[in-house]
Amino acid sequence: MKPLWIGLTCILVSSILYGSTLIAAAIYSQVLGGTDGVGWSSEYGIFGTAMRDIGTFPLLLGVTVGVTGIMLIVMDLRGQFLKKKETDARNPGVKG
């Protein structure tokens, strides 16, 4: 499989994971701030406490997978550009 497609898949997975974590923290922050809720730390705030309780691993994993996807895309596009440049240097009279 081409690195471009792997990179695009990594970015898609990253955005889904990152967004899901933020949505889960937003929903959980309503539980923390409610009258029947568990309570929250004034040091972090409601959303910060929810993020701490959910964990930072999904966020770090999402960012890592996203950066890996971007690197794969850049490497593939750079390789295609260099290959085209090399082909153009071998055939200077051919356009297309």
C-alpha atoms as a PDB file:
ATOM      1  CA  MET A   1       0.000   0.000   0.000  1.00  0.00           C
ATOM      2  CA  LYS A   2       1.265   3.455  -0.809  1.00  0.00           C
ATOM      3  CA  PRO A   3       2.522   5.582   2.083  1.00  0.00           C
ATOM      4  CA  LEU A   4       0.117   8.325   0.970  1.00  0.00           C
ATOM      5  CA  TRP A   5      -2.924   6.158   1.722  1.00  0.00           C
ATOM      6  CA  ILE A   6      -1.432   4.957   4.998  1.00  0.00           C
ATOM      7  CA  GLY A   7      -0.769   8.580   5.988  1.00  0.00           C
ATOM      8  CA  LEU A   8      -4.303   9.654   5.113  1.00  0.00           C
ATOM      9  CA  THR A   9      -5.690   6.730   7.116  1.00  0.00           C
ATOM     10  CA  CYS A  10      -3.504   7.709  10.077  1.00  0.00           C
ATOM     11  CA  ILE A  11      -4.810  11.275   9.949  1.00  0.00           C
ATOM     12  CA  LEU A  12      -8.407  10.018   9.804  1.00  0.00           C
ATOM     13  CA  VAL A  13      -7.866   7.682  12.770  1.00  0.00           C
ATOM     14  CA  SER A  14      -6.101  10.468  14.650  1.00  0.00           C
ATOM     15  CA  SER A  15      -8.918  12.940  14.167  1.00  0.00           C
ATOM     16  CA  ILE A  16     -11.544  10.403  15.217  1.00  0.00           C
ATOM     17  CA  LEU A  17      -9.583   9.427  18.343  1.00  0.00           C
ATOM     18  CA  TYR A  18      -8.779  13.013  19.315  1.00  0.00           C
ATOM     19  CA  GLY A  19     -12.329  14.230  18.708  1.00  0.00           C
ATOM     20  CA  SER A  20     -13.857  11.302  20.582  1.00  0.00           C
ATOM     21  CA  THR A  21     -11.679  12.033  23.595  1.00  0.00           C
ATOM     22  CA  LEU A  22     -12.708  15.677  23.633  1.00  0.00           C
ATOM     23  CA  ILE A  23     -16.394  14.792  23.265  1.00  0.00           C
ATOM     24  CA  ALA A  24     -16.130  12.229  26.078  1.00  0.00           C
ATOM     25  CA  ALA A  25     -14.495  14.830  28.329  1.00  0.00           C
ATOM     26  CA  ALA A  26     -17.200  17.362  27.510  1.00  0.00           C
ATOM     27  CA  ILE A  27     -19.949  14.891  28.387  1.00  0.00           C
ATOM     28  CA  TYR A  28     -18.163  13.816  31.568  1.00  0.00           C
ATOM     29  CA  SER A  29     -17.646  17.440  32.607  1.00  0.00           C
ATOM     30  CA  GLN A  30     -21.436  17.798  32.779  1.00  0.00           C
ATOM     31  CA  VAL A  31     -21.483  14.927  35.274  1.00  0.00           C
ATOM     32  CA  LEU A  32     -18.741  16.557  37.343  1.00  0.00           C
ATOM     33  CA  GLY A  33     -20.440  19.927  37.439  1.00  0.00           C
ATOM     34  CA  GLY A  34     -23.960  18.680  38.134  1.00  0.00           C
ATOM     35  CA  THR A  35     -25.679  18.850  41.497  1.00  0.00           C
ATOM     36  CA  ASP A  36     -25.407  15.077  41.917  1.00  0.00           C
ATOM     37  CA  GLY A  37     -21.934  15.006  40.408  1.00  0.00           C
ATOM     38  CA  VAL A  38     -18.678  13.748  41.757  1.00  0.00           C
ATOM     39  CA  GLY A  39     -17.145  17.190  41.995  1.00  0.00           C
ATOM     40  CA  TRP A  40     -14.193  18.784  40.330  1.00  0.00           C
ATOM     41  CA  SER A  41     -10.842  20.256  41.235  1.00  0.00           C
ATOM     42  CA  SER A  42     -10.659  24.043  41.266  1.00  0.00           C
ATOM     43  CA  GLU A  43      -7.016  23.776  40.237  1.00  0.00           C
ATOM     44  CA  TYR A  44      -7.875  22.266  36.824  1.00  0.00           C
ATOM     45  CA  GLY A  45     -11.442  23.461  36.328  1.00  0.00           C
ATOM     46  CA  ILE A  46     -14.351  21.311  35.250  1.00  0.00           C
ATOM     47  CA  PHE A  47     -13.056  20.411  31.791  1.00  0.00           C
ATOM     48  CA  GLY A  48      -9.477  19.942  32.985  1.00  0.00           C
ATOM     49  CA  THR A  49     -10.631  17.567  35.715  1.00  0.00           C
ATOM     50  CA  ALA A  50     -12.652  15.603  33.159  1.00  0.00           C
ATOM     51  CA  MET A  51      -9.621  15.396  30.861  1.00  0.00           C
ATOM     52  CA  ARG A  52      -7.430  14.243  33.734  1.00  0.00           C
ATOM     53  CA  ASP A  53      -9.963  11.580  34.734  1.00  0.00           C
ATOM     54  CA  ILE A  54     -10.364  10.292  31.180  1.00  0.00           C
ATOM     55  CA  GLY A  55      -6.609  10.257  30.708  1.00  0.00           C
ATOM     56  CA  THR A  56      -4.117  11.847  28.402  1.00  0.00           C
ATOM     57  CA  PHE A  57      -3.144   8.601  26.653  1.00  0.00           C
ATOM     58  CA  PRO A  58      -5.848   8.842  23.945  1.00  0.00           C
ATOM     59  CA  LEU A  59      -4.818  12.443  23.229  1.00  0.00           C
ATOM     60  CA  LEU A  60      -1.139  11.574  23.023  1.00  0.00           C
ATOM     61  CA  LEU A  61      -1.893   8.566  20.847  1.00  0.00           C
ATOM     62  CA  GLY A  62      -4.044  10.704  18.534  1.00  0.00           C
ATOM     63  CA  VAL A  63      -1.346  13.343  18.179  1.00  0.00           C
ATOM     64  CA  THR A  64       1.359  10.730  17.603  1.00  0.00           C
ATOM     65  CA  VAL A  65      -0.650   8.930  14.922  1.00  0.00           C
ATOM     66  CA  GLY A  66      -1.500  12.266  13.280  1.00  0.00           C
ATOM     67  CA  VAL A  67       2.134  13.393  13.160  1.00  0.00           C
ATOM     68  CA  THR A  68       3.123   9.987  11.770  1.00  0.00           C
ATOM     69  CA  GLY A  69       0.458  10.335   9.074  1.00  0.00           C
ATOM     70  CA  ILE A  70       1.672  13.799   8.114  1.00  0.00           C
ATOM     71  CA  MET A  71       5.258  12.541   7.918  1.00  0.00           C
ATOM     72  CA  LEU A  72       4.226   9.636   5.665  1.00  0.00           C
ATOM     73  CA  ILE A  73       2.313  11.967   3.347  1.00  0.00           C
ATOM     74  CA  VAL A  74       5.197  14.433   3.123  1.00  0.00           C
ATOM     75  CA  MET A  75       7.706  11.644   2.458  1.00  0.00           C
ATOM     76  CA  ASP A  76       5.542  10.169  -0.300  1.00  0.00           C
ATOM     77  CA  LEU A  77       4.892  13.515  -1.980  1.00  0.00           C
ATOM     78  CA  ARG A  78       8.575  14.418  -1.744  1.00  0.00           C
ATOM     79  CA  GLY A  79       9.513  11.083  -3.325  1.00  0.00           C
ATOM     80  CA  GLN A  80       7.057  11.660  -6.164  1.00  0.00           C
ATOM     81  CA  PHE A  81       8.425  15.168  -6.722  1.00  0.00           C
ATOM     82  CA  LEU A  82      12.033  13.957  -6.793  1.00  0.00           C
ATOM     83  CA  LYS A  83      11.124  11.098  -9.141  1.00  0.00           C
ATOM     84  CA  LYS A  84       9.387  13.516 -11.519  1.00  0.00           C
ATOM     85  CA  LYS A  85      12.316  15.915 -11.339  1.00  0.00           C
ATOM     86  CA  GLU A  86      14.736  13.087 -12.175  1.00  0.00           C
ATOM     87  CA  THR A  87      12.554  11.971 -15.091  1.00  0.00           C
ATOM     88  CA  ASP A  88      12.372  15.529 -16.416  1.00  0.00           C
ATOM     89  CA  ALA A  89      16.158  15.843 -16.206  1.00  0.00           C
ATOM     90  CA  ARG A  90      16.606  12.662 -18.282  1.00  0.00           C
ATOM     91  CA  ASN A  91      14.084  13.750 -20.938  1.00  0.00           C
ATOM     92  CA  PRO A  92      14.406  17.531 -21.285  1.00  0.00           C
ATOM     93  CA  GLY A  93      12.448  17.795 -24.553  1.00  0.00           C
ATOM     94  CA  VAL A  94       9.393  15.813 -23.402  1.00  0.00           C
ATOM     95  CA  LYS A  95       6.591  17.769 -21.736  1.00  0.00           C
ATOM     96  CA  GLY A  96       3.756  16.220 -19.802  1.00  0.00           C
END
